[in-house]
Amino acid sequence: MEDTTAQELKSYIERIEKLEQEKKDIQEHIRDIYARAASGGFDAKIIRQIVKLRKMDDEDREEQETLLDIYKRALGMSCEE
């Protein structure tokens, strides 16, 4: 392998490693925030669900909520029977 090609490969690998470490640090910060929210009386599972829902576009979120409602009704779990 040429020196420039080997150096380029090494550069890619080092950048990936740096980003992986940054990702690990960010995930740790996120866990800390969930823990603080939980200690403040909030339900971390519900917060996670809200974060997930906020990432979705409106159409996908509405479709998922409609399907969830249909399934709940089919299983007798809905309050709106």
C-alpha atoms as a PDB file:
ATOM      1  CA  MET A   1       0.000   0.000   0.000  1.00  0.00           C
ATOM      2  CA  GLU A   2       1.327   3.421  -0.868  1.00  0.00           C
ATOM      3  CA  ASP A   3       2.213   5.753   1.976  1.00  0.00           C
ATOM      4  CA  THR A   4      -0.481   8.256   0.962  1.00  0.00           C
ATOM      5  CA  THR A   5      -3.135   5.533   0.730  1.00  0.00           C
ATOM      6  CA  ALA A   6      -2.106   4.065   4.081  1.00  0.00           C
ATOM      7  CA  GLN A   7      -2.121   7.533   5.621  1.00  0.00           C
ATOM      8  CA  GLU A   8      -5.573   8.229   4.172  1.00  0.00           C
ATOM      9  CA  LEU A   9      -6.883   4.933   5.585  1.00  0.00           C
ATOM     10  CA  LYS A  10      -5.354   5.721   8.974  1.00  0.00           C
ATOM     11  CA  SER A  11      -6.986   9.155   8.883  1.00  0.00           C
ATOM     12  CA  TYR A  12     -10.426   7.629   8.228  1.00  0.00           C
ATOM     13  CA  ILE A  13      -9.998   5.139  11.041  1.00  0.00           C
ATOM     14  CA  GLU A  14      -8.846   7.802  13.498  1.00  0.00           C
ATOM     15  CA  ARG A  15     -11.782  10.056  12.595  1.00  0.00           C
ATOM     16  CA  ILE A  16     -14.210   7.162  13.096  1.00  0.00           C
ATOM     17  CA  GLU A  17     -12.625   6.330  16.451  1.00  0.00           C
ATOM     18  CA  LYS A  18     -12.901   9.962  17.541  1.00  0.00           C
ATOM     19  CA  LEU A  19     -16.561  10.104  16.531  1.00  0.00           C
ATOM     20  CA  GLU A  20     -17.273   6.800  18.303  1.00  0.00           C
ATOM     21  CA  GLN A  21     -15.808   8.263  21.507  1.00  0.00           C
ATOM     22  CA  GLU A  22     -17.860  11.436  21.092  1.00  0.00           C
ATOM     23  CA  LYS A  23     -20.971   9.298  20.553  1.00  0.00           C
ATOM     24  CA  LYS A  24     -20.212   7.368  23.742  1.00  0.00           C
ATOM     25  CA  ASP A  25     -19.801  10.634  25.669  1.00  0.00           C
ATOM     26  CA  ILE A  26     -23.074  12.007  24.288  1.00  0.00           C
ATOM     27  CA  GLN A  27     -24.928   8.798  25.177  1.00  0.00           C
ATOM     28  CA  GLU A  28     -23.601   9.113  28.723  1.00  0.00           C
ATOM     29  CA  HIS A  29     -24.868  12.703  28.924  1.00  0.00           C
ATOM     30  CA  ILE A  30     -28.277  11.600  27.649  1.00  0.00           C
ATOM     31  CA  ARG A  31     -28.454   8.855  30.306  1.00  0.00           C
ATOM     32  CA  ASP A  32     -27.606  11.471  32.941  1.00  0.00           C
ATOM     33  CA  ILE A  33     -30.443  13.707  31.748  1.00  0.00           C
ATOM     34  CA  TYR A  34     -32.930  10.820  31.883  1.00  0.00           C
ATOM     35  CA  ALA A  35     -31.722  10.006  35.406  1.00  0.00           C
ATOM     36  CA  ARG A  36     -32.135  13.639  36.498  1.00  0.00           C
ATOM     37  CA  ALA A  37     -35.618  13.736  34.999  1.00  0.00           C
ATOM     38  CA  ALA A  38     -36.508  10.526  36.848  1.00  0.00           C
ATOM     39  CA  SER A  39     -35.172  11.905  40.128  1.00  0.00           C
ATOM     40  CA  GLY A  40     -37.338  14.959  39.494  1.00  0.00           C
ATOM     41  CA  GLY A  41     -40.438  12.763  39.382  1.00  0.00           C
ATOM     42  CA  PHE A  42     -40.757  12.272  35.623  1.00  0.00           C
ATOM     43  CA  ASP A  43     -41.124   8.842  34.029  1.00  0.00           C
ATOM     44  CA  ALA A  44     -38.013   8.225  31.908  1.00  0.00           C
ATOM     45  CA  LYS A  45     -39.791   5.611  29.754  1.00  0.00           C
ATOM     46  CA  ILE A  46     -42.482   8.096  28.828  1.00  0.00           C
ATOM     47  CA  ILE A  47     -39.883  10.767  28.073  1.00  0.00           C
ATOM     48  CA  ARG A  48     -38.118   8.300  25.758  1.00  0.00           C
ATOM     49  CA  GLN A  49     -41.416   7.634  23.963  1.00  0.00           C
ATOM     50  CA  ILE A  50     -42.051  11.359  23.554  1.00  0.00           C
ATOM     51  CA  VAL A  51     -38.543  11.899  22.157  1.00  0.00           C
ATOM     52  CA  LYS A  52     -39.135   9.059  19.693  1.00  0.00           C
ATOM     53  CA  LEU A  53     -42.511  10.475  18.649  1.00  0.00           C
ATOM     54  CA  ARG A  54     -41.085  13.973  18.165  1.00  0.00           C
ATOM     55  CA  LYS A  55     -38.516  12.569  15.729  1.00  0.00           C
ATOM     56  CA  MET A  56     -41.287  11.202  13.509  1.00  0.00           C
ATOM     57  CA  ASP A  57     -43.057  13.254  10.893  1.00  0.00           C
ATOM     58  CA  ASP A  58     -46.726  14.007  11.561  1.00  0.00           C
ATOM     59  CA  GLU A  59     -48.058  11.489   9.046  1.00  0.00           C
ATOM     60  CA  ASP A  60     -46.017   8.576  10.405  1.00  0.00           C
ATOM     61  CA  ARG A  61     -46.886   9.480  13.989  1.00  0.00           C
ATOM     62  CA  GLU A  62     -50.615   9.666  13.205  1.00  0.00           C
ATOM     63  CA  GLU A  63     -50.473   6.328  11.381  1.00  0.00           C
ATOM     64  CA  GLN A  64     -48.724   4.681  14.319  1.00  0.00           C
ATOM     65  CA  GLU A  65     -51.202   6.140  16.809  1.00  0.00           C
ATOM     66  CA  THR A  66     -54.147   4.972  14.668  1.00  0.00           C
ATOM     67  CA  LEU A  67     -52.767   1.436  14.431  1.00  0.00           C
ATOM     68  CA  LEU A  68     -52.066   1.365  18.153  1.00  0.00           C
ATOM     69  CA  ASP A  69     -55.661   2.427  18.836  1.00  0.00           C
ATOM     70  CA  ILE A  70     -57.016  -0.251  16.458  1.00  0.00           C
ATOM     71  CA  TYR A  71     -54.929  -2.956  18.139  1.00  0.00           C
ATOM     72  CA  LYS A  72     -55.921  -1.798  21.629  1.00  0.00           C
ATOM     73  CA  ARG A  73     -59.611  -1.864  20.687  1.00  0.00           C
ATOM     74  CA  ALA A  74     -59.225  -5.345  19.189  1.00  0.00           C
ATOM     75  CA  LEU A  75     -57.775  -6.519  22.504  1.00  0.00           C
ATOM     76  CA  GLY A  76     -60.373  -4.730  24.619  1.00  0.00           C
ATOM     77  CA  MET A  77     -57.821  -2.317  26.025  1.00  0.00           C
ATOM     78  CA  SER A  78     -59.341   0.935  24.813  1.00  0.00           C
ATOM     79  CA  CYS A  79     -61.374   3.193  27.091  1.00  0.00           C
ATOM     80  CA  GLU A  80     -63.450   4.280  24.087  1.00  0.00           C
ATOM     81  CA  GLU A  81     -65.184   0.959  23.392  1.00  0.00           C
END
